[in-house]
Amino acid sequence: MAVIRPFKALRPAKEVAHLVASVPYDVVNREEAAELAKDNPLSFLRVTRSEIELPAETDPYDKIVYEKAKENLERLKKEAPLIQDEEDAFYVYKLTMGEQTQVGIAATFSVEDYDNNVILKHEKTRKVKEDDRTNHIVTTKAQTGAVFLTYRGVHEIDMAVEKTMKETEPLYAFTAEDGIEHVVWKMPEDYNDIVIFEIQKVKNLYIADGHHRAASASRAQKVMKEQNTSHTGEEEYNYFFAVLFPAEQLKIMPYNRVVFSLNNLTVDEFLKKVGDNFSVEKTENPEPPEKRTFCMYLENQWYLLKPNENVKEVEDNVGENLDVSILQNYLLGPVLGIKDPRTDTNIDFIGGIRGTGELEKLVNEGKAKVAFSLYPVSVDDLMNIADAGEIMPPKSTWFEPKLRDGLLVHLI
């Protein structure tokens, strides 16, 4: 049984929402964040990536960074302004990117459900990134970015969402600089009980994106509980902010790979070793045509890779049969020496939104030696792996379009 709760969002005045709203903190590096925010004093990146206002040599995990985030949040409350709603509410958040549209409910969800696997994960998290967002949450007393949840859609909830969009005026409606349209409504209170009751009947929710945000909310809850001698379990820190989307509406893009060296192999030696487990054919198409196929870019040439008879299907382990696992287990590991892609500095990951042109660019400029494009994981794969209690390899899924930070904030 899953728990969903309305909350009093801290949110920008309507006329400045497009200026406040920013890309998620973790899809840009420091330089990109600084560039996006440089002419916009209201950008929420000044809260989520507050190091952009500090000297370049500042450690991004220094205490001063989190204190700056707190300071900037307080400043935005006054200058934007950001105003907290007086009544608890659910919010409907619609994202449109080209022909792709998805509509979710922004709400708060139980940390206990996360800890007890009512809310299921499919990725491992990295401690340094958990530490970062935990410190950010505890210092600012706010969850500034949404976790992206999904579930198998429920008709009654879909109807409540549809009626909200038809019957009420949007709080916000704007198209961001990347072309993605963001529309937010406040759900009428009359529908709250329907949403709560129907979600109570749902066995599991799933983290689609935002594993570090969720893990950090759980860790922050433990810290704040320890500090609160009057803890009751009803405090806002016992819940985390997320947007819940029906799985049927979602689209996953591939998470591609680039590798910086060939593990001391010549190109010919490398291609021969790849041929041990894959057929290797030159191709003009940079995208794999189906599951269990891969495209590889090397020295201005794309190759289509297909696993041969050495690549066995693994029984009783859904994750090991994913394309990302096959590539790791039969090529990246044994040929290129990449044993742990979460920590190995010889590999990097390129979100599918950047396209295969980004892979070509990195290799052609000599910044990478070889690149691999993958066929996207399906939402069913994600849910089946989570249901089985398994974990996907790192950087398996890239979701688009992405939620904006700063439109709705959960104060704790």
Protein backbone atom coordinates (compact mmCIF):
# COMPACT_ATOMS: atom_id res chain seq x y z
CA MET A 1 0.00 0.00 0.00
CA ALA A 2 1.53 3.29 -1.10
CA VAL A 3 1.10 6.65 0.60
CA ILE A 4 0.63 9.92 -1.29
CA ARG A 5 0.05 13.29 0.39
CA PRO A 6 -0.83 16.81 -0.79
CA PHE A 7 1.50 19.55 0.39
CA LYS A 8 1.87 23.31 0.61
CA ALA A 9 4.19 24.09 -2.27
CA LEU A 10 6.60 26.98 -2.22
CA ARG A 11 6.34 28.33 -5.75
CA PRO A 12 7.11 31.40 -7.85
CA ALA A 13 4.71 34.17 -8.78
CA LYS A 14 3.12 33.37 -12.14
CA GLU A 15 4.82 36.17 -14.06
CA VAL A 16 8.33 35.02 -13.13
CA ALA A 17 7.86 31.23 -13.21
CA HIS A 18 9.70 30.90 -16.52
CA LEU A 19 12.66 32.82 -15.08
CA VAL A 20 12.83 30.86 -11.83
CA ALA A 21 12.39 27.38 -13.32
CA SER A 22 15.70 25.73 -14.15
CA VAL A 23 17.02 22.47 -15.54
CA PRO A 24 17.65 19.76 -12.91
CA TYR A 25 20.88 20.32 -11.00
CA ASP A 26 22.42 17.05 -12.15
CA VAL A 27 22.09 17.41 -15.94
CA VAL A 28 24.60 20.27 -16.18
CA ASN A 29 28.13 20.77 -14.94
CA ARG A 30 29.30 23.87 -13.07
CA GLU A 31 30.27 25.76 -16.23
CA GLU A 32 26.99 24.98 -17.99
CA ALA A 33 24.99 25.97 -14.91
CA ALA A 34 26.86 29.26 -14.65
CA GLU A 35 26.22 30.02 -18.31
CA LEU A 36 22.51 29.28 -18.02
CA ALA A 37 22.12 31.50 -14.96
CA LYS A 38 24.54 34.32 -15.76
CA ASP A 39 21.99 36.91 -16.95
CA ASN A 40 19.16 35.69 -14.73
CA PRO A 41 19.32 36.57 -11.02
CA LEU A 42 16.10 34.60 -10.41
CA SER A 43 17.37 31.29 -11.85
CA PHE A 44 16.80 28.43 -9.43
CA LEU A 45 20.25 27.13 -10.39
CA ARG A 46 21.47 29.69 -7.86
CA VAL A 47 19.89 27.44 -5.23
CA THR A 48 20.55 23.98 -6.66
CA ARG A 49 24.04 24.78 -7.99
CA SER A 50 24.97 27.63 -5.66
CA GLU A 51 28.71 27.06 -6.24
CA ILE A 52 28.30 29.10 -9.44
CA GLU A 53 28.28 32.22 -7.23
CA LEU A 54 31.48 31.22 -5.43
CA PRO A 55 35.12 31.26 -6.60
CA ALA A 56 35.86 28.66 -9.26
CA GLU A 57 38.29 26.81 -6.99
CA THR A 58 35.59 26.23 -4.33
CA ASP A 59 35.00 22.57 -3.53
CA PRO A 60 31.40 21.94 -4.68
CA TYR A 61 30.82 19.88 -1.53
CA ASP A 62 32.16 22.51 0.89
CA LYS A 63 29.80 23.63 3.67
CA ILE A 64 29.89 27.15 2.26
CA VAL A 65 28.12 25.91 -0.89
CA TYR A 66 25.11 24.70 1.08
CA GLU A 67 25.02 27.86 3.18
CA LYS A 68 25.01 29.85 -0.07
CA ALA A 69 22.11 27.73 -1.33
CA LYS A 70 20.15 28.54 1.82
CA GLU A 71 20.95 32.23 1.47
CA ASN A 72 19.88 32.25 -2.18
CA LEU A 73 16.63 30.44 -1.44
CA GLU A 74 15.77 33.07 1.17
CA ARG A 75 16.68 35.81 -1.32
CA LEU A 76 14.46 34.31 -4.03
CA LYS A 77 11.55 34.10 -1.62
CA LYS A 78 11.70 37.87 -1.38
CA GLU A 79 12.88 38.91 -4.81
CA ALA A 80 11.09 36.57 -7.20
CA PRO A 81 8.94 36.28 -5.10
CA LEU A 82 8.36 32.68 -4.02
CA ILE A 83 5.13 32.20 -2.07
CA GLN A 84 3.99 29.16 -0.09
CA ASP A 85 0.42 27.99 -0.63
CA GLU A 86 -1.75 28.17 2.48
CA GLU A 87 -3.55 24.86 1.90
CA ASP A 88 -2.25 21.39 1.10
CA ALA A 89 -2.79 20.47 -2.54
CA PHE A 90 -1.89 18.06 -5.29
CA TYR A 91 -0.53 19.64 -8.45
CA VAL A 92 -0.84 18.38 -12.02
CA TYR A 93 2.35 18.79 -14.07
CA LYS A 94 2.24 18.37 -17.86
CA LEU A 95 5.37 18.11 -19.98
CA THR A 96 5.41 18.25 -23.77
CA MET A 97 8.46 17.67 -25.95
CA GLY A 98 7.55 17.46 -29.62
CA GLU A 99 5.00 14.67 -29.92
CA GLN A 100 5.82 13.29 -26.46
CA THR A 101 3.39 14.36 -23.69
CA GLN A 102 3.23 13.09 -20.12
CA VAL A 103 1.11 14.28 -17.22
CA GLY A 104 1.83 13.52 -13.57
CA ILE A 105 0.72 14.39 -10.06
CA ALA A 106 3.15 16.42 -7.95
CA ALA A 107 2.83 15.35 -4.32
CA THR A 108 4.81 14.09 -1.36
CA PHE A 109 5.52 10.43 -0.70
CA SER A 110 6.51 8.46 2.37
CA VAL A 111 10.19 8.05 3.21
CA GLU A 112 9.13 4.91 5.07
CA ASP A 113 7.68 3.54 1.81
CA TYR A 114 11.05 4.22 0.19
CA ASP A 115 12.95 2.54 3.01
CA ASN A 116 10.61 -0.49 3.01
CA ASN A 117 10.59 -1.01 -0.77
CA VAL A 118 7.01 -0.03 -1.38
CA ILE A 119 8.75 2.46 -3.64
CA LEU A 120 11.12 0.34 -5.69
CA LYS A 121 14.56 1.28 -7.03
CA HIS A 122 16.41 0.02 -10.08
CA GLU A 123 19.77 1.80 -9.68
CA LYS A 124 22.55 1.93 -7.14
CA THR A 125 23.48 5.35 -5.82
CA ARG A 126 26.89 6.90 -5.23
CA LYS A 127 27.73 8.02 -1.70
CA VAL A 128 29.33 11.30 -2.76
CA LYS A 129 26.16 12.34 -4.61
CA GLU A 130 23.98 11.23 -1.70
CA ASP A 131 26.14 13.24 0.69
CA ASP A 132 25.78 16.28 -1.54
CA ARG A 133 21.98 16.35 -1.71
CA THR A 134 21.57 15.27 1.92
CA ASN A 135 23.62 18.28 3.00
CA HIS A 136 21.64 20.46 0.60
CA ILE A 137 18.29 19.32 2.03
CA VAL A 138 19.34 19.55 5.69
CA THR A 139 20.88 23.01 5.25
CA THR A 140 18.12 24.60 3.14
CA LYS A 141 15.30 22.73 4.94
CA ALA A 142 13.83 22.16 1.50
CA GLN A 143 13.56 19.51 -1.18
CA THR A 144 14.28 21.60 -4.24
CA GLY A 145 14.10 18.97 -6.96
CA ALA A 146 11.45 16.36 -7.70
CA VAL A 147 11.96 12.62 -7.78
CA PHE A 148 10.45 11.16 -10.97
CA LEU A 149 8.13 8.28 -10.01
CA THR A 150 6.05 5.98 -12.16
CA TYR A 151 3.37 3.34 -11.69
CA ARG A 152 0.94 1.26 -13.69
CA GLY A 153 -1.75 3.81 -14.46
CA VAL A 154 -5.12 3.88 -12.68
CA HIS A 155 -8.22 5.00 -14.60
CA GLU A 156 -9.81 6.91 -11.71
CA ILE A 157 -6.65 8.94 -11.18
CA ASP A 158 -6.30 9.59 -14.91
CA MET A 159 -9.86 10.98 -14.87
CA ALA A 160 -9.13 13.28 -11.92
CA VAL A 161 -6.08 14.60 -13.78
CA GLU A 162 -8.06 15.12 -17.00
CA LYS A 163 -10.82 16.98 -15.17
CA THR A 164 -8.27 19.20 -13.44
CA MET A 165 -6.77 20.21 -16.78
CA LYS A 166 -10.21 20.90 -18.29
CA GLU A 167 -11.86 22.63 -15.35
CA THR A 168 -9.11 24.85 -13.92
CA GLU A 169 -6.78 27.56 -15.16
CA PRO A 170 -3.09 26.68 -15.15
CA LEU A 171 -0.86 28.14 -12.48
CA TYR A 172 1.93 28.19 -15.06
CA ALA A 173 2.21 27.63 -18.78
CA PHE A 174 5.45 28.38 -20.62
CA THR A 175 7.89 26.94 -23.10
CA ALA A 176 11.47 26.74 -21.84
CA GLU A 177 14.50 27.67 -23.92
CA ASP A 178 14.99 24.01 -24.86
CA GLY A 179 11.54 23.88 -26.47
CA ILE A 180 9.88 21.81 -23.75
CA GLU A 181 6.44 23.04 -22.65
CA HIS A 182 5.64 23.06 -18.93
CA VAL A 183 2.09 23.49 -17.63
CA VAL A 184 1.09 23.20 -13.96
CA TRP A 185 -2.38 23.19 -12.38
CA LYS A 186 -3.51 22.98 -8.78
CA MET A 187 -5.84 19.99 -8.43
CA PRO A 188 -9.25 20.82 -6.93
CA GLU A 189 -9.53 19.59 -3.36
CA ASP A 190 -12.57 17.50 -4.36
CA TYR A 191 -10.26 15.02 -6.10
CA ASN A 192 -7.79 14.58 -3.23
CA ASP A 193 -9.59 11.64 -1.63
CA ILE A 194 -9.82 9.82 -4.97
CA VAL A 195 -6.07 10.09 -5.52
CA ILE A 196 -5.21 9.07 -1.96
CA PHE A 197 -7.63 6.12 -1.96
CA GLU A 198 -6.55 4.79 -5.36
CA ILE A 199 -2.84 5.04 -4.58
CA GLN A 200 -3.44 3.14 -1.34
CA LYS A 201 -4.52 0.21 -3.51
CA VAL A 202 -1.29 0.30 -5.53
CA LYS A 203 1.26 -2.29 -4.42
CA ASN A 204 4.38 -0.53 -5.70
CA LEU A 205 5.59 2.75 -7.10
CA TYR A 206 8.85 2.92 -9.04
CA ILE A 207 11.67 5.44 -9.18
CA ALA A 208 12.17 6.24 -12.84
CA ASP A 209 14.68 9.05 -12.30
CA GLY A 210 16.07 10.76 -9.21
CA HIS A 211 17.51 7.88 -7.17
CA HIS A 212 19.98 10.21 -5.47
CA ARG A 213 17.25 12.70 -4.57
CA ALA A 214 15.17 9.93 -2.99
CA ALA A 215 18.09 8.38 -1.13
CA SER A 216 19.12 11.80 0.14
CA ALA A 217 15.59 12.57 1.35
CA SER A 218 15.70 9.32 3.31
CA ARG A 219 19.08 10.16 4.84
CA ALA A 220 17.98 13.72 5.63
CA GLN A 221 14.92 12.31 7.41
CA LYS A 222 17.17 10.29 9.70
CA VAL A 223 19.30 13.36 10.49
CA MET A 224 16.33 15.60 11.22
CA LYS A 225 14.54 12.93 13.24
CA GLU A 226 17.65 12.58 15.40
CA GLN A 227 17.73 16.33 15.94
CA ASN A 228 14.02 16.54 16.83
CA THR A 229 13.30 15.42 20.39
CA SER A 230 9.56 15.82 19.73
CA HIS A 231 9.49 13.67 16.57
CA THR A 232 5.99 12.34 15.77
CA GLY A 233 6.33 10.90 12.27
CA GLU A 234 4.03 13.51 10.76
CA GLU A 235 6.71 16.12 10.12
CA GLU A 236 7.25 17.18 6.52
CA TYR A 237 10.76 15.68 6.53
CA ASN A 238 9.11 12.24 6.70
CA TYR A 239 7.91 12.77 3.14
CA PHE A 240 9.72 13.57 -0.08
CA PHE A 241 8.66 15.55 -3.12
CA ALA A 242 8.03 13.69 -6.38
CA VAL A 243 5.92 13.74 -9.52
CA LEU A 244 4.11 10.48 -10.29
CA PHE A 245 3.52 9.61 -13.95
CA PRO A 246 1.62 6.67 -15.48
CA ALA A 247 4.13 4.28 -17.05
CA GLU A 248 2.09 4.15 -20.23
CA GLN A 249 2.99 7.77 -21.00
CA LEU A 250 6.75 7.53 -20.54
CA LYS A 251 9.53 7.31 -23.06
CA ILE A 252 13.06 6.19 -22.24
CA MET A 253 16.02 7.26 -24.33
CA PRO A 254 19.27 5.31 -24.46
CA TYR A 255 22.20 6.14 -22.22
CA ASN A 256 25.18 5.88 -24.55
CA ARG A 257 28.84 5.29 -23.70
CA VAL A 258 32.19 6.77 -24.72
CA VAL A 259 35.56 5.26 -23.82
CA PHE A 260 38.79 7.25 -23.72
CA SER A 261 41.40 4.58 -24.46
CA LEU A 262 41.51 1.14 -26.07
CA ASN A 263 43.23 -0.52 -23.10
CA ASN A 264 46.65 -0.45 -24.84
CA LEU A 265 45.25 -2.24 -27.90
CA THR A 266 45.77 -1.17 -31.50
CA VAL A 267 42.61 -0.58 -33.52
CA ASP A 268 43.08 -3.89 -35.34
CA GLU A 269 43.67 -5.77 -32.08
CA PHE A 270 40.62 -4.12 -30.55
CA LEU A 271 38.35 -5.04 -33.48
CA LYS A 272 39.62 -8.63 -33.40
CA LYS A 273 38.82 -8.93 -29.68
CA VAL A 274 35.35 -7.41 -30.19
CA GLY A 275 34.81 -10.09 -32.83
CA ASP A 276 35.21 -12.80 -30.21
CA ASN A 277 31.67 -12.16 -28.92
CA PHE A 278 30.04 -10.04 -31.64
CA SER A 279 29.67 -9.96 -35.38
CA VAL A 280 31.14 -6.66 -36.61
CA GLU A 281 29.79 -5.04 -39.78
CA LYS A 282 30.29 -1.54 -41.15
CA THR A 283 27.08 0.50 -41.23
CA GLU A 284 25.83 3.97 -42.08
CA ASN A 285 23.20 3.85 -39.33
CA PRO A 286 24.40 5.13 -35.94
CA GLU A 287 21.41 3.75 -34.02
CA PRO A 288 20.82 0.05 -33.20
CA PRO A 289 17.79 -1.30 -35.07
CA GLU A 290 16.52 -3.54 -32.25
CA LYS A 291 17.28 -5.02 -28.84
CA ARG A 292 20.52 -7.01 -28.51
CA THR A 293 22.25 -4.93 -31.18
CA PHE A 294 24.78 -2.12 -30.71
CA CYS A 295 26.41 0.54 -32.83
CA MET A 296 30.06 1.41 -32.33
CA TYR A 297 31.87 4.51 -33.66
CA LEU A 298 35.61 4.16 -34.21
CA GLU A 299 37.93 6.19 -36.45
CA ASN A 300 35.17 7.90 -38.45
CA GLN A 301 33.27 4.66 -39.03
CA TRP A 302 30.10 3.20 -37.51
CA TYR A 303 29.88 -0.56 -36.95
CA LEU A 304 26.85 -2.71 -36.16
CA LEU A 305 27.55 -5.26 -33.42
CA LYS A 306 25.39 -8.35 -32.92
CA PRO A 307 26.08 -10.86 -30.13
CA ASN A 308 27.19 -14.30 -31.32
CA GLU A 309 26.65 -17.71 -29.75
CA ASN A 310 29.10 -16.91 -26.93
CA VAL A 311 26.61 -14.44 -25.45
CA LYS A 312 24.25 -16.61 -23.44
CA GLU A 313 20.84 -15.69 -22.06
CA VAL A 314 20.96 -15.73 -18.25
CA GLU A 315 18.11 -17.51 -16.51
CA ASP A 316 16.54 -16.00 -13.38
CA ASN A 317 18.31 -12.66 -13.78
CA VAL A 318 16.44 -10.10 -15.86
CA GLY A 319 19.14 -7.46 -15.50
CA GLU A 320 21.94 -9.59 -16.93
CA ASN A 321 20.01 -9.86 -20.22
CA LEU A 322 19.72 -6.11 -20.71
CA ASP A 323 21.72 -4.62 -23.56
CA VAL A 324 23.73 -2.47 -21.14
CA SER A 325 24.73 -5.64 -19.26
CA ILE A 326 25.66 -7.51 -22.43
CA LEU A 327 27.86 -4.62 -23.57
CA GLN A 328 29.49 -4.42 -20.15
CA ASN A 329 29.99 -8.16 -19.63
CA TYR A 330 31.17 -9.07 -23.12
CA LEU A 331 33.00 -5.97 -24.36
CA LEU A 332 33.62 -3.10 -21.94
CA GLY A 333 34.86 -5.43 -19.20
CA PRO A 334 36.87 -8.13 -20.97
CA VAL A 335 38.15 -6.05 -23.90
CA LEU A 336 38.53 -2.53 -22.53
CA GLY A 337 39.22 -3.45 -18.90
CA ILE A 338 36.32 -1.46 -17.46
CA LYS A 339 35.38 -3.55 -14.43
CA ASP A 340 33.19 -1.06 -12.55
CA PRO A 341 31.62 1.59 -14.82
CA ARG A 342 30.44 3.50 -11.73
CA THR A 343 34.00 4.37 -10.77
CA ASP A 344 36.22 3.75 -13.83
CA THR A 345 37.59 6.98 -15.29
CA ASN A 346 38.04 5.41 -18.74
CA ILE A 347 34.31 5.63 -19.47
CA ASP A 348 31.69 8.35 -19.59
CA PHE A 349 27.95 8.32 -20.24
CA ILE A 350 26.09 10.47 -22.77
CA GLY A 351 22.34 10.96 -22.39
CA GLY A 352 20.28 10.04 -25.42
CA ILE A 353 18.90 13.57 -25.71
CA ARG A 354 22.32 14.63 -27.04
CA GLY A 355 21.99 12.23 -29.96
CA THR A 356 24.59 10.14 -31.75
CA GLY A 357 26.08 13.31 -33.21
CA GLU A 358 27.56 14.01 -29.79
CA LEU A 359 29.26 10.59 -29.87
CA GLU A 360 30.77 11.32 -33.27
CA LYS A 361 31.91 14.76 -32.11
CA LEU A 362 33.72 13.40 -29.04
CA VAL A 363 35.54 10.74 -31.05
CA ASN A 364 36.32 12.98 -34.03
CA GLU A 365 37.79 15.65 -31.73
CA GLY A 366 39.99 13.05 -30.03
CA LYS A 367 38.28 13.45 -26.66
CA ALA A 368 37.20 9.80 -26.80
CA LYS A 369 38.61 6.82 -28.66
CA VAL A 370 35.43 4.80 -29.24
CA ALA A 371 31.70 5.31 -28.67
CA PHE A 372 28.74 2.98 -28.34
CA SER A 373 25.07 3.76 -29.00
CA LEU A 374 22.49 1.49 -27.40
CA TYR A 375 18.88 0.53 -27.96
CA PRO A 376 16.72 2.09 -25.20
CA VAL A 377 15.53 0.11 -22.21
CA SER A 378 11.74 -0.20 -22.01
CA VAL A 379 9.61 0.92 -19.07
CA ASP A 380 8.49 -2.71 -18.72
CA ASP A 381 12.15 -3.75 -18.36
CA LEU A 382 12.61 -1.16 -15.63
CA MET A 383 9.55 -2.29 -13.69
CA ASN A 384 10.28 -6.00 -14.12
CA ILE A 385 13.82 -5.55 -12.78
CA ALA A 386 12.58 -3.55 -9.81
CA ASP A 387 9.86 -6.15 -9.14
CA ALA A 388 12.51 -8.87 -9.13
CA GLY A 389 14.57 -6.95 -6.58
CA GLU A 390 17.39 -6.52 -9.07
CA ILE A 391 19.49 -3.51 -9.94
CA MET A 392 20.21 -2.18 -13.42
CA PRO A 393 23.76 -1.35 -14.42
CA PRO A 394 24.60 2.32 -13.86
CA LYS A 395 23.39 4.83 -16.42
CA SER A 396 20.88 2.52 -18.08
CA THR A 397 18.00 4.93 -18.64
CA TRP A 398 17.63 8.53 -19.76
CA PHE A 399 14.17 10.03 -19.40
CA GLU A 400 12.95 12.99 -21.43
CA PRO A 401 11.36 15.44 -21.06
CA LYS A 402 12.70 16.41 -17.64
CA LEU A 403 10.96 18.24 -14.81
CA ARG A 404 12.13 21.76 -13.98
CA ASP A 405 13.51 22.65 -10.57
CA GLY A 406 11.99 25.61 -8.74
CA LEU A 407 8.39 25.49 -9.93
CA LEU A 408 7.32 23.52 -6.85
CA VAL A 409 9.44 23.22 -3.71
CA HIS A 410 8.73 21.11 -0.62
CA LEU A 411 9.71 22.87 2.61
CA ILE A 412 10.60 20.56 5.49
